[in-house]
Amino acid sequence: LQSKIPTANFIPVATEVVTVQDIPVSQSAATTTSLAQHLTNATTQEVCQWLARHGISKASLDILQHEDIDGIFLFEEPFDEIKSVLKEEGMSAGQISRIRHVIEKAKKEGSLL
């Protein structure tokens, strides 16, 4: 195109397009940071809604609400600390394991989907 319009200055730009909930999004450092910030900024209610979609029991969700477990706690604290708190509150090992699995998946994907 630049050879056909010699006075134009074109700078080639390459981007990678990824899909998040069927919405095309250009992935960049800013987008990745934004998604990571979304994870840590999730409220206790958002965390509980997200975990409910992944099969976490009502009893376990009640524990999370009682302890005000939010995105900062789930995505910034080491999992051993999370496990310790949840176990102290009486959450079953199976539910803790399921929560660990969905946390790891969300960290990889950068989203609470």
PDB file of N, CA and C in Angstrom:
ATOM      1  N   LEU A   1       0.822  -1.189   0.000  1.00  0.00           N
ATOM      2  CA  LEU A   1       0.000   0.000   0.000  1.00  0.00           C
ATOM      3  C   LEU A   1       0.865   1.251   0.000  1.00  0.00           C
ATOM      4  N   GLN A   2       1.978   1.221   0.723  1.00  0.00           N
ATOM      5  CA  GLN A   2       2.837   2.398   0.786  1.00  0.00           C
ATOM      6  C   GLN A   2       3.442   2.702  -0.588  1.00  0.00           C
ATOM      7  N   SER A   3       3.701   1.680  -1.403  1.00  0.00           N
ATOM      8  CA  SER A   3       4.248   1.929  -2.730  1.00  0.00           C
ATOM      9  C   SER A   3       3.232   2.611  -3.636  1.00  0.00           C
ATOM     10  N   LYS A   4       1.939   2.426  -3.415  1.00  0.00           N
ATOM     11  CA  LYS A   4       0.893   3.068  -4.208  1.00  0.00           C
ATOM     12  C   LYS A   4       0.633   4.495  -3.754  1.00  0.00           C
ATOM     13  N   ILE A   5       0.927   4.774  -2.502  1.00  0.00           N
ATOM     14  CA  ILE A   5       0.743   6.119  -1.947  1.00  0.00           C
ATOM     15  C   ILE A   5       2.086   6.510  -1.334  1.00  0.00           C
ATOM     16  N   PRO A   6       3.011   6.998  -2.146  1.00  0.00           N
ATOM     17  CA  PRO A   6       4.369   7.242  -1.652  1.00  0.00           C
ATOM     18  C   PRO A   6       4.490   8.310  -0.589  1.00  0.00           C
ATOM     19  N   THR A   7       3.521   9.200  -0.453  1.00  0.00           N
ATOM     20  CA  THR A   7       3.634  10.247   0.553  1.00  0.00           C
ATOM     21  C   THR A   7       3.125   9.793   1.920  1.00  0.00           C
ATOM     22  N   ALA A   8       2.508   8.654   1.979  1.00  0.00           N
ATOM     23  CA  ALA A   8       1.962   8.169   3.252  1.00  0.00           C
ATOM     24  C   ALA A   8       3.043   7.451   4.043  1.00  0.00           C
ATOM     25  N   ASN A   9       3.030   7.651   5.322  1.00  0.00           N
ATOM     26  CA  ASN A   9       3.949   6.950   6.217  1.00  0.00           C
ATOM     27  C   ASN A   9       3.168   5.906   6.988  1.00  0.00           C
ATOM     28  N   PHE A  10       3.339   4.659   6.615  1.00  0.00           N
ATOM     29  CA  PHE A  10       2.648   3.569   7.281  1.00  0.00           C
ATOM     30  C   PHE A  10       3.624   2.839   8.181  1.00  0.00           C
ATOM     31  N   ILE A  11       3.188   2.579   9.373  1.00  0.00           N
ATOM     32  CA  ILE A  11       3.997   1.821  10.316  1.00  0.00           C
ATOM     33  C   ILE A  11       3.250   0.525  10.588  1.00  0.00           C
ATOM     34  N   PRO A  12       3.839  -0.610  10.205  1.00  0.00           N
ATOM     35  CA  PRO A  12       3.138  -1.874  10.436  1.00  0.00           C
ATOM     36  C   PRO A  12       3.017  -2.150  11.939  1.00  0.00           C
ATOM     37  N   VAL A  13       1.851  -2.567  12.328  1.00  0.00           N
ATOM     38  CA  VAL A  13       1.590  -2.892  13.728  1.00  0.00           C
ATOM     39  C   VAL A  13       1.019  -4.299  13.774  1.00  0.00           C
ATOM     40  N   ALA A  14       1.610  -5.132  14.607  1.00  0.00           N
ATOM     41  CA  ALA A  14       1.115  -6.500  14.765  1.00  0.00           C
ATOM     42  C   ALA A  14       0.463  -6.618  16.128  1.00  0.00           C
ATOM     43  N   THR A  15      -0.732  -7.179  16.137  1.00  0.00           N
ATOM     44  CA  THR A  15      -1.404  -7.457  17.404  1.00  0.00           C
ATOM     45  C   THR A  15      -1.951  -8.864  17.353  1.00  0.00           C
ATOM     46  N   GLU A  16      -2.140  -9.416  18.501  1.00  0.00           N
ATOM     47  CA  GLU A  16      -2.745 -10.736  18.608  1.00  0.00           C
ATOM     48  C   GLU A  16      -4.141 -10.534  19.151  1.00  0.00           C
ATOM     49  N   VAL A  17      -5.131 -11.145  18.514  1.00  0.00           N
ATOM     50  CA  VAL A  17      -6.498 -11.006  18.969  1.00  0.00           C
ATOM     51  C   VAL A  17      -6.895 -12.274  19.699  1.00  0.00           C
ATOM     52  N   VAL A  18      -7.393 -12.105  20.914  1.00  0.00           N
ATOM     53  CA  VAL A  18      -7.899 -13.229  21.697  1.00  0.00           C
ATOM     54  C   VAL A  18      -9.373 -12.987  21.962  1.00  0.00           C
ATOM     55  N   THR A  19     -10.100 -14.038  22.300  1.00  0.00           N
ATOM     56  CA  THR A  19     -11.526 -13.915  22.544  1.00  0.00           C
ATOM     57  C   THR A  19     -11.807 -14.122  24.015  1.00  0.00           C
ATOM     58  N   VAL A  20     -12.531 -13.189  24.610  1.00  0.00           N
ATOM     59  CA  VAL A  20     -12.981 -13.291  25.987  1.00  0.00           C
ATOM     60  C   VAL A  20     -14.494 -13.197  25.938  1.00  0.00           C
ATOM     61  N   GLN A  21     -15.166 -14.276  26.284  1.00  0.00           N
ATOM     62  CA  GLN A  21     -16.626 -14.350  26.208  1.00  0.00           C
ATOM     63  C   GLN A  21     -17.112 -13.919  24.831  1.00  0.00           C
ATOM     64  N   ASP A  22     -16.481 -14.463  23.788  1.00  0.00           N
ATOM     65  CA  ASP A  22     -16.856 -14.198  22.404  1.00  0.00           C
ATOM     66  C   ASP A  22     -16.758 -12.732  22.006  1.00  0.00           C
ATOM     67  N   ILE A  23     -15.966 -11.940  22.725  1.00  0.00           N
ATOM     68  CA  ILE A  23     -15.722 -10.547  22.366  1.00  0.00           C
ATOM     69  C   ILE A  23     -14.256 -10.432  21.979  1.00  0.00           C
ATOM     70  N   PRO A  24     -13.936 -10.062  20.715  1.00  0.00           N
ATOM     71  CA  PRO A  24     -12.528  -9.941  20.351  1.00  0.00           C
ATOM     72  C   PRO A  24     -11.860  -8.814  21.131  1.00  0.00           C
ATOM     73  N   VAL A  25     -10.675  -9.112  21.636  1.00  0.00           N
ATOM     74  CA  VAL A  25      -9.920  -8.140  22.411  1.00  0.00           C
ATOM     75  C   VAL A  25      -8.474  -8.221  21.953  1.00  0.00           C
ATOM     76  N   SER A  26      -7.843  -7.093  21.682  1.00  0.00           N
ATOM     77  CA  SER A  26      -6.422  -7.083  21.354  1.00  0.00           C
ATOM     78  C   SER A  26      -5.655  -7.291  22.638  1.00  0.00           C
ATOM     79  N   GLN A  27      -4.793  -8.281  22.662  1.00  0.00           N
ATOM     80  CA  GLN A  27      -4.028  -8.580  23.872  1.00  0.00           C
ATOM     81  C   GLN A  27      -2.744  -7.775  23.873  1.00  0.00           C
ATOM     82  N   SER A  28      -2.506  -7.078  24.942  1.00  0.00           N
ATOM     83  CA  SER A  28      -1.293  -6.295  25.117  1.00  0.00           C
ATOM     84  C   SER A  28      -0.934  -6.331  26.583  1.00  0.00           C
ATOM     85  N   ALA A  29       0.168  -5.712  26.935  1.00  0.00           N
ATOM     86  CA  ALA A  29       0.564  -5.663  28.347  1.00  0.00           C
ATOM     87  C   ALA A  29      -0.503  -4.964  29.164  1.00  0.00           C
ATOM     88  N   ALA A  30      -1.117  -3.922  28.615  1.00  0.00           N
ATOM     89  CA  ALA A  30      -2.154  -3.192  29.351  1.00  0.00           C
ATOM     90  C   ALA A  30      -3.371  -4.075  29.579  1.00  0.00           C
ATOM     91  N   THR A  31      -3.762  -4.873  28.578  1.00  0.00           N
ATOM     92  CA  THR A  31      -4.912  -5.756  28.720  1.00  0.00           C
ATOM     93  C   THR A  31      -4.633  -6.818  29.766  1.00  0.00           C
ATOM     94  N   THR A  32      -3.445  -7.410  29.717  1.00  0.00           N
ATOM     95  CA  THR A  32      -3.091  -8.442  30.685  1.00  0.00           C
ATOM     96  C   THR A  32      -3.101  -7.869  32.096  1.00  0.00           C
ATOM     97  N   THR A  33      -2.549  -6.681  32.263  1.00  0.00           N
ATOM     98  CA  THR A  33      -2.554  -6.028  33.566  1.00  0.00           C
ATOM     99  C   THR A  33      -3.978  -5.760  34.010  1.00  0.00           C
ATOM    100  N   SER A  34      -4.815  -5.303  33.092  1.00  0.00           N
ATOM    101  CA  SER A  34      -6.204  -5.008  33.403  1.00  0.00           C
ATOM    102  C   SER A  34      -6.935  -6.255  33.888  1.00  0.00           C
ATOM    103  N   LEU A  35      -6.715  -7.383  33.214  1.00  0.00           N
ATOM    104  CA  LEU A  35      -7.367  -8.627  33.627  1.00  0.00           C
ATOM    105  C   LEU A  35      -6.868  -9.067  35.001  1.00  0.00           C
ATOM    106  N   ALA A  36      -5.576  -8.948  35.245  1.00  0.00           N
ATOM    107  CA  ALA A  36      -5.032  -9.318  36.556  1.00  0.00           C
ATOM    108  C   ALA A  36      -5.606  -8.417  37.638  1.00  0.00           C
ATOM    109  N   GLN A  37      -5.761  -7.129  37.338  1.00  0.00           N
ATOM    110  CA  GLN A  37      -6.348  -6.213  38.304  1.00  0.00           C
ATOM    111  C   GLN A  37      -7.798  -6.587  38.570  1.00  0.00           C
ATOM    112  N   HIS A  38      -8.506  -7.034  37.541  1.00  0.00           N
ATOM    113  CA  HIS A  38      -9.895  -7.436  37.734  1.00  0.00           C
ATOM    114  C   HIS A  38      -9.981  -8.597  38.721  1.00  0.00           C
ATOM    115  N   LEU A  39      -9.066  -9.538  38.616  1.00  0.00           N
ATOM    116  CA  LEU A  39      -9.076 -10.679  39.533  1.00  0.00           C
ATOM    117  C   LEU A  39      -8.906 -10.214  40.970  1.00  0.00           C
ATOM    118  N   THR A  40      -7.924  -9.373  41.212  1.00  0.00           N
ATOM    119  CA  THR A  40      -7.664  -8.952  42.583  1.00  0.00           C
ATOM    120  C   THR A  40      -8.697  -7.961  43.093  1.00  0.00           C
ATOM    121  N   ASN A  41      -9.378  -7.262  42.199  1.00  0.00           N
ATOM    122  CA  ASN A  41     -10.389  -6.285  42.614  1.00  0.00           C
ATOM    123  C   ASN A  41     -11.772  -6.891  42.798  1.00  0.00           C
ATOM    124  N   ALA A  42     -11.906  -8.187  42.582  1.00  0.00           N
ATOM    125  CA  ALA A  42     -13.211  -8.833  42.725  1.00  0.00           C
ATOM    126  C   ALA A  42     -13.683  -8.755  44.179  1.00  0.00           C
ATOM    127  N   THR A  43     -14.940  -8.378  44.344  1.00  0.00           N
ATOM    128  CA  THR A  43     -15.527  -8.298  45.680  1.00  0.00           C
ATOM    129  C   THR A  43     -15.835  -9.701  46.196  1.00  0.00           C
ATOM    130  N   THR A  44     -16.159  -9.783  47.468  1.00  0.00           N
ATOM    131  CA  THR A  44     -16.551 -11.067  48.053  1.00  0.00           C
ATOM    132  C   THR A  44     -17.751 -11.633  47.308  1.00  0.00           C
ATOM    133  N   GLN A  45     -18.724 -10.801  46.989  1.00  0.00           N
ATOM    134  CA  GLN A  45     -19.913 -11.256  46.268  1.00  0.00           C
ATOM    135  C   GLN A  45     -19.545 -11.786  44.879  1.00  0.00           C
ATOM    136  N   GLU A  46     -18.677 -11.079  44.161  1.00  0.00           N
ATOM    137  CA  GLU A  46     -18.251 -11.537  42.829  1.00  0.00           C
ATOM    138  C   GLU A  46     -17.492 -12.856  42.926  1.00  0.00           C
ATOM    139  N   VAL A  47     -16.632 -12.977  43.930  1.00  0.00           N
ATOM    140  CA  VAL A  47     -15.885 -14.220  44.133  1.00  0.00           C
ATOM    141  C   VAL A  47     -16.855 -15.374  44.389  1.00  0.00           C
ATOM    142  N   CYS A  48     -17.848 -15.148  45.240  1.00  0.00           N
ATOM    143  CA  CYS A  48     -18.822 -16.204  45.557  1.00  0.00           C
ATOM    144  C   CYS A  48     -19.657 -16.586  44.339  1.00  0.00           C
ATOM    145  N   GLN A  49     -20.092 -15.604  43.557  1.00  0.00           N
ATOM    146  CA  GLN A  49     -20.851 -15.902  42.339  1.00  0.00           C
ATOM    147  C   GLN A  49     -20.007 -16.718  41.365  1.00  0.00           C
ATOM    148  N   TRP A  50     -18.760 -16.333  41.217  1.00  0.00           N
ATOM    149  CA  TRP A  50     -17.839 -17.036  40.325  1.00  0.00           C
ATOM    150  C   TRP A  50     -17.619 -18.475  40.793  1.00  0.00           C
ATOM    151  N   LEU A  51     -17.354 -18.647  42.089  1.00  0.00           N
ATOM    152  CA  LEU A  51     -17.117 -19.993  42.610  1.00  0.00           C
ATOM    153  C   LEU A  51     -18.375 -20.854  42.564  1.00  0.00           C
ATOM    154  N   ALA A  52     -19.537 -20.244  42.738  1.00  0.00           N
ATOM    155  CA  ALA A  52     -20.805 -20.992  42.636  1.00  0.00           C
ATOM    156  C   ALA A  52     -20.958 -21.584  41.233  1.00  0.00           C
ATOM    157  N   ARG A  53     -20.545 -20.832  40.219  1.00  0.00           N
ATOM    158  CA  ARG A  53     -20.613 -21.335  38.838  1.00  0.00           C
ATOM    159  C   ARG A  53     -19.671 -22.511  38.615  1.00  0.00           C
ATOM    160  N   HIS A  54     -18.703 -22.673  39.514  1.00  0.00           N
ATOM    161  CA  HIS A  54     -17.741 -23.769  39.397  1.00  0.00           C
ATOM    162  C   HIS A  54     -18.026 -24.891  40.400  1.00  0.00           C
ATOM    163  N   GLY A  55     -19.233 -24.924  40.919  1.00  0.00           N
ATOM    164  CA  GLY A  55     -19.662 -26.052  41.738  1.00  0.00           C
ATOM    165  C   GLY A  55     -19.307 -26.000  43.210  1.00  0.00           C
ATOM    166  N   ILE A  56     -18.931 -24.849  43.729  1.00  0.00           N
ATOM    167  CA  ILE A  56     -18.637 -24.739  45.155  1.00  0.00           C
ATOM    168  C   ILE A  56     -19.965 -24.719  45.911  1.00  0.00           C
ATOM    169  N   SER A  57     -20.030 -25.482  46.991  1.00  0.00           N
ATOM    170  CA  SER A  57     -21.279 -25.651  47.741  1.00  0.00           C
ATOM    171  C   SER A  57     -21.714 -24.368  48.453  1.00  0.00           C
ATOM    172  N   LYS A  58     -23.007 -24.304  48.773  1.00  0.00           N
ATOM    173  CA  LYS A  58     -23.550 -23.151  49.495  1.00  0.00           C
ATOM    174  C   LYS A  58     -22.867 -23.011  50.858  1.00  0.00           C
ATOM    175  N   ALA A  59     -22.626 -24.130  51.533  1.00  0.00           N
ATOM    176  CA  ALA A  59     -21.963 -24.077  52.846  1.00  0.00           C
ATOM    177  C   ALA A  59     -20.568 -23.456  52.722  1.00  0.00           C
ATOM    178  N   SER A  60     -19.842 -23.815  51.672  1.00  0.00           N
ATOM    179  CA  SER A  60     -18.508 -23.247  51.458  1.00  0.00           C
ATOM    180  C   SER A  60     -18.600 -21.769  51.102  1.00  0.00           C
ATOM    181  N   LEU A  61     -19.592 -21.399  50.295  1.00  0.00           N
ATOM    182  CA  LEU A  61     -19.787 -19.996  49.938  1.00  0.00           C
ATOM    183  C   LEU A  61     -20.136 -19.168  51.168  1.00  0.00           C
ATOM    184  N   ASP A  62     -20.912 -19.760  52.075  1.00  0.00           N
ATOM    185  CA  ASP A  62     -21.237 -19.064  53.328  1.00  0.00           C
ATOM    186  C   ASP A  62     -19.972 -18.772  54.136  1.00  0.00           C
ATOM    187  N   ILE A  63     -19.045 -19.722  54.152  1.00  0.00           N
ATOM    188  CA  ILE A  63     -17.771 -19.525  54.849  1.00  0.00           C
ATOM    189  C   ILE A  63     -16.999 -18.371  54.209  1.00  0.00           C
ATOM    190  N   LEU A  64     -16.948 -18.365  52.877  1.00  0.00           N
ATOM    191  CA  LEU A  64     -16.234 -17.300  52.163  1.00  0.00           C
ATOM    192  C   LEU A  64     -16.848 -15.938  52.463  1.00  0.00           C
ATOM    193  N   GLN A  65     -18.178 -15.870  52.502  1.00  0.00           N
ATOM    194  CA  GLN A  65     -18.848 -14.607  52.803  1.00  0.00           C
ATOM    195  C   GLN A  65     -18.585 -14.183  54.240  1.00  0.00           C
ATOM    196  N   HIS A  66     -18.680 -15.130  55.165  1.00  0.00           N
ATOM    197  CA  HIS A  66     -18.446 -14.835  56.584  1.00  0.00           C
ATOM    198  C   HIS A  66     -17.043 -14.289  56.809  1.00  0.00           C
ATOM    199  N   GLU A  67     -16.074 -14.828  56.087  1.00  0.00           N
ATOM    200  CA  GLU A  67     -14.671 -14.418  56.242  1.00  0.00           C
ATOM    201  C   GLU A  67     -14.291 -13.260  55.318  1.00  0.00           C
ATOM    202  N   ASP A  68     -15.250 -12.737  54.558  1.00  0.00           N
ATOM    203  CA  ASP A  68     -14.989 -11.636  53.612  1.00  0.00           C
ATOM    204  C   ASP A  68     -13.845 -11.959  52.654  1.00  0.00           C
ATOM    205  N   ILE A  69     -13.866 -13.158  52.102  1.00  0.00           N
ATOM    206  CA  ILE A  69     -12.836 -13.579  51.146  1.00  0.00           C
ATOM    207  C   ILE A  69     -13.114 -12.890  49.815  1.00  0.00           C
ATOM    208  N   ASP A  70     -12.159 -12.080  49.370  1.00  0.00           N
ATOM    209  CA  ASP A  70     -12.322 -11.349  48.115  1.00  0.00           C
ATOM    210  C   ASP A  70     -11.171 -11.696  47.167  1.00  0.00           C
ATOM    211  N   GLY A  71     -11.115 -10.988  46.050  1.00  0.00           N
ATOM    212  CA  GLY A  71     -10.092 -11.255  45.050  1.00  0.00           C
ATOM    213  C   GLY A  71      -8.681 -11.025  45.552  1.00  0.00           C
ATOM    214  N   ILE A  72      -8.495 -10.016  46.381  1.00  0.00           N
ATOM    215  CA  ILE A  72      -7.153  -9.751  46.915  1.00  0.00           C
ATOM    216  C   ILE A  72      -6.656 -10.963  47.697  1.00  0.00           C
ATOM    217  N   PHE A  73      -7.522 -11.503  48.556  1.00  0.00           N
ATOM    218  CA  PHE A  73      -7.115 -12.661  49.353  1.00  0.00           C
ATOM    219  C   PHE A  73      -6.870 -13.874  48.455  1.00  0.00           C
ATOM    220  N   LEU A  74      -7.809 -14.171  47.543  1.00  0.00           N
ATOM    221  CA  LEU A  74      -7.677 -15.372  46.715  1.00  0.00           C
ATOM    222  C   LEU A  74      -6.520 -15.321  45.731  1.00  0.00           C
ATOM    223  N   PHE A  75      -6.244 -14.147  45.174  1.00  0.00           N
ATOM    224  CA  PHE A  75      -5.264 -14.080  44.096  1.00  0.00           C
ATOM    225  C   PHE A  75      -3.918 -13.498  44.499  1.00  0.00           C
ATOM    226  N   GLU A  76      -3.799 -13.018  45.725  1.00  0.00           N
ATOM    227  CA  GLU A  76      -2.526 -12.463  46.169  1.00  0.00           C
ATOM    228  C   GLU A  76      -1.872 -13.285  47.283  1.00  0.00           C
ATOM    229  N   GLU A  77      -2.664 -13.962  48.093  1.00  0.00           N
ATOM    230  CA  GLU A  77      -2.114 -14.751  49.203  1.00  0.00           C
ATOM    231  C   GLU A  77      -1.633 -16.109  48.686  1.00  0.00           C
ATOM    232  N   PRO A  78      -0.598 -16.665  49.312  1.00  0.00           N
ATOM    233  CA  PRO A  78      -0.178 -18.023  48.947  1.00  0.00           C
ATOM    234  C   PRO A  78      -1.308 -19.009  49.247  1.00  0.00           C
ATOM    235  N   PHE A  79      -1.420 -20.046  48.425  1.00  0.00           N
ATOM    236  CA  PHE A  79      -2.548 -20.963  48.619  1.00  0.00           C
ATOM    237  C   PHE A  79      -2.503 -21.660  49.966  1.00  0.00           C
ATOM    238  N   ASP A  80      -1.336 -21.888  50.537  1.00  0.00           N
ATOM    239  CA  ASP A  80      -1.262 -22.508  51.867  1.00  0.00           C
ATOM    240  C   ASP A  80      -2.001 -21.666  52.910  1.00  0.00           C
ATOM    241  N   GLU A  81      -1.895 -20.338  52.788  1.00  0.00           N
ATOM    242  CA  GLU A  81      -2.611 -19.441  53.700  1.00  0.00           C
ATOM    243  C   GLU A  81      -4.120 -19.540  53.474  1.00  0.00           C
ATOM    244  N   ILE A  82      -4.532 -19.565  52.217  1.00  0.00           N
ATOM    245  CA  ILE A  82      -5.955 -19.689  51.884  1.00  0.00           C
ATOM    246  C   ILE A  82      -6.483 -21.002  52.443  1.00  0.00           C
ATOM    247  N   LYS A  83      -5.748 -22.085  52.195  1.00  0.00           N
ATOM    248  CA  LYS A  83      -6.151 -23.409  52.670  1.00  0.00           C
ATOM    249  C   LYS A  83      -6.290 -23.429  54.190  1.00  0.00           C
ATOM    250  N   SER A  84      -5.338 -22.828  54.877  1.00  0.00           N
ATOM    251  CA  SER A  84      -5.358 -22.797  56.330  1.00  0.00           C
ATOM    252  C   SER A  84      -6.616 -22.102  56.856  1.00  0.00           C
ATOM    253  N   VAL A  85      -6.931 -20.934  56.301  1.00  0.00           N
ATOM    254  CA  VAL A  85      -8.112 -20.188  56.739  1.00  0.00           C
ATOM    255  C   VAL A  85      -9.382 -20.980  56.464  1.00  0.00           C
ATOM    256  N   LEU A  86      -9.494 -21.531  55.259  1.00  0.00           N
ATOM    257  CA  LEU A  86     -10.710 -22.264  54.895  1.00  0.00           C
ATOM    258  C   LEU A  86     -10.873 -23.529  55.735  1.00  0.00           C
ATOM    259  N   LYS A  87      -9.764 -24.216  56.003  1.00  0.00           N
ATOM    260  CA  LYS A  87      -9.815 -25.425  56.816  1.00  0.00           C
ATOM    261  C   LYS A  87     -10.215 -25.100  58.253  1.00  0.00           C
ATOM    262  N   GLU A  88      -9.664 -24.008  58.808  1.00  0.00           N
ATOM    263  CA  GLU A  88     -10.018 -23.570  60.169  1.00  0.00           C
ATOM    264  C   GLU A  88     -11.510 -23.312  60.288  1.00  0.00           C
ATOM    265  N   GLU A  89     -12.098 -22.819  59.211  1.00  0.00           N
ATOM    266  CA  GLU A  89     -13.531 -22.499  59.217  1.00  0.00           C
ATOM    267  C   GLU A  89     -14.406 -23.706  58.926  1.00  0.00           C
ATOM    268  N   GLY A  90     -13.794 -24.870  58.710  1.00  0.00           N
ATOM    269  CA  GLY A  90     -14.558 -26.103  58.550  1.00  0.00           C
ATOM    270  C   GLY A  90     -14.876 -26.498  57.116  1.00  0.00           C
ATOM    271  N   MET A  91     -14.214 -25.909  56.154  1.00  0.00           N
ATOM    272  CA  MET A  91     -14.467 -26.280  54.762  1.00  0.00           C
ATOM    273  C   MET A  91     -13.826 -27.638  54.482  1.00  0.00           C
ATOM    274  N   SER A  92     -14.503 -28.444  53.690  1.00  0.00           N
ATOM    275  CA  SER A  92     -14.010 -29.791  53.387  1.00  0.00           C
ATOM    276  C   SER A  92     -12.797 -29.734  52.461  1.00  0.00           C
ATOM    277  N   ALA A  93     -11.988 -30.781  52.538  1.00  0.00           N
ATOM    278  CA  ALA A  93     -10.786 -30.867  51.705  1.00  0.00           C
ATOM    279  C   ALA A  93     -11.151 -30.858  50.223  1.00  0.00           C
ATOM    280  N   GLY A  94     -12.252 -31.497  49.869  1.00  0.00           N
ATOM    281  CA  GLY A  94     -12.690 -31.530  48.467  1.00  0.00           C
ATOM    282  C   GLY A  94     -13.043 -30.149  47.941  1.00  0.00           C
ATOM    283  N   GLN A  95     -13.736 -29.362  48.753  1.00  0.00           N
ATOM    284  CA  GLN A  95     -14.107 -28.008  48.345  1.00  0.00           C
ATOM    285  C   GLN A  95     -12.870 -27.119  48.240  1.00  0.00           C
ATOM    286  N   ILE A  96     -11.938 -27.282  49.174  1.00  0.00           N
ATOM    287  CA  ILE A  96     -10.698 -26.509  49.125  1.00  0.00           C
ATOM    288  C   ILE A  96      -9.917 -26.854  47.855  1.00  0.00           C
ATOM    289  N   SER A  97      -9.865 -28.121  47.513  1.00  0.00           N
ATOM    290  CA  SER A  97      -9.173 -28.559  46.308  1.00  0.00           C
ATOM    291  C   SER A  97      -9.834 -27.973  45.056  1.00  0.00           C
ATOM    292  N   ARG A  98     -11.155 -27.975  45.024  1.00  0.00           N
ATOM    293  CA  ARG A  98     -11.881 -27.419  43.878  1.00  0.00           C
ATOM    294  C   ARG A  98     -11.601 -25.916  43.755  1.00  0.00           C
ATOM    295  N   ILE A  99     -11.590 -25.221  44.878  1.00  0.00           N
ATOM    296  CA  ILE A  99     -11.298 -23.784  44.865  1.00  0.00           C
ATOM    297  C   ILE A  99      -9.884 -23.547  44.342  1.00  0.00           C
ATOM    298  N   ARG A 100      -8.920 -24.353  44.802  1.00  0.00           N
ATOM    299  CA  ARG A 100      -7.549 -24.211  44.312  1.00  0.00           C
ATOM    300  C   ARG A 100      -7.497 -24.385  42.798  1.00  0.00           C
ATOM    301  N   HIS A 101      -8.212 -25.374  42.292  1.00  0.00           N
ATOM    302  CA  HIS A 101      -8.223 -25.637  40.848  1.00  0.00           C
ATOM    303  C   HIS A 101      -8.778 -24.444  40.064  1.00  0.00           C
ATOM    304  N   VAL A 102      -9.889 -23.874  40.512  1.00  0.00           N
ATOM    305  CA  VAL A 102     -10.481 -22.756  39.760  1.00  0.00           C
ATOM    306  C   VAL A 102      -9.651 -21.476  39.910  1.00  0.00           C
ATOM    307  N   ILE A 103      -8.960 -21.307  41.037  1.00  0.00           N
ATOM    308  CA  ILE A 103      -8.054 -20.160  41.195  1.00  0.00           C
ATOM    309  C   ILE A 103      -6.908 -20.271  40.185  1.00  0.00           C
ATOM    310  N   GLU A 104      -6.308 -21.444  40.100  1.00  0.00           N
ATOM    311  CA  GLU A 104      -5.209 -21.651  39.158  1.00  0.00           C
ATOM    312  C   GLU A 104      -5.668 -21.423  37.725  1.00  0.00           C
ATOM    313  N   LYS A 105      -6.856 -21.923  37.394  1.00  0.00           N
ATOM    314  CA  LYS A 105      -7.398 -21.738  36.050  1.00  0.00           C
ATOM    315  C   LYS A 105      -7.629 -20.242  35.758  1.00  0.00           C
ATOM    316  N   ALA A 106      -8.176 -19.527  36.707  1.00  0.00           N
ATOM    317  CA  ALA A 106      -8.427 -18.090  36.520  1.00  0.00           C
ATOM    318  C   ALA A 106      -7.125 -17.321  36.359  1.00  0.00           C
ATOM    319  N   LYS A 107      -6.094 -17.704  37.119  1.00  0.00           N
ATOM    320  CA  LYS A 107      -4.803 -17.025  36.987  1.00  0.00           C
ATOM    321  C   LYS A 107      -4.221 -17.226  35.599  1.00  0.00           C
ATOM    322  N   LYS A 108      -4.352 -18.449  35.068  1.00  0.00           N
ATOM    323  CA  LYS A 108      -3.854 -18.723  33.722  1.00  0.00           C
ATOM    324  C   LYS A 108      -4.634 -17.950  32.667  1.00  0.00           C
ATOM    325  N   GLU A 109      -5.950 -17.904  32.835  1.00  0.00           N
ATOM    326  CA  GLU A 109      -6.813 -17.256  31.849  1.00  0.00           C
ATOM    327  C   GLU A 109      -6.951 -15.761  32.077  1.00  0.00           C
ATOM    328  N   GLY A 110      -6.627 -15.308  33.281  1.00  0.00           N
ATOM    329  CA  GLY A 110      -6.730 -13.888  33.599  1.00  0.00           C
ATOM    330  C   GLY A 110      -8.148 -13.388  33.715  1.00  0.00           C
ATOM    331  N   SER A 111      -9.072 -14.304  34.060  1.00  0.00           N
ATOM    332  CA  SER A 111     -10.480 -13.911  34.082  1.00  0.00           C
ATOM    333  C   SER A 111     -11.267 -14.784  35.038  1.00  0.00           C
ATOM    334  N   LEU A 112     -12.348 -14.237  35.527  1.00  0.00           N
ATOM    335  CA  LEU A 112     -13.255 -14.996  36.404  1.00  0.00           C
ATOM    336  C   LEU A 112     -14.371 -15.649  35.587  1.00  0.00           C
ATOM    337  N   LEU A 113     -14.063 -16.261  34.479  1.00  0.00           N
ATOM    338  CA  LEU A 113     -15.079 -16.911  33.648  1.00  0.00           C
ATOM    339  C   LEU A 113     -15.331 -18.305  34.117  1.00  0.00           C
TER     340      LEU A 113
END
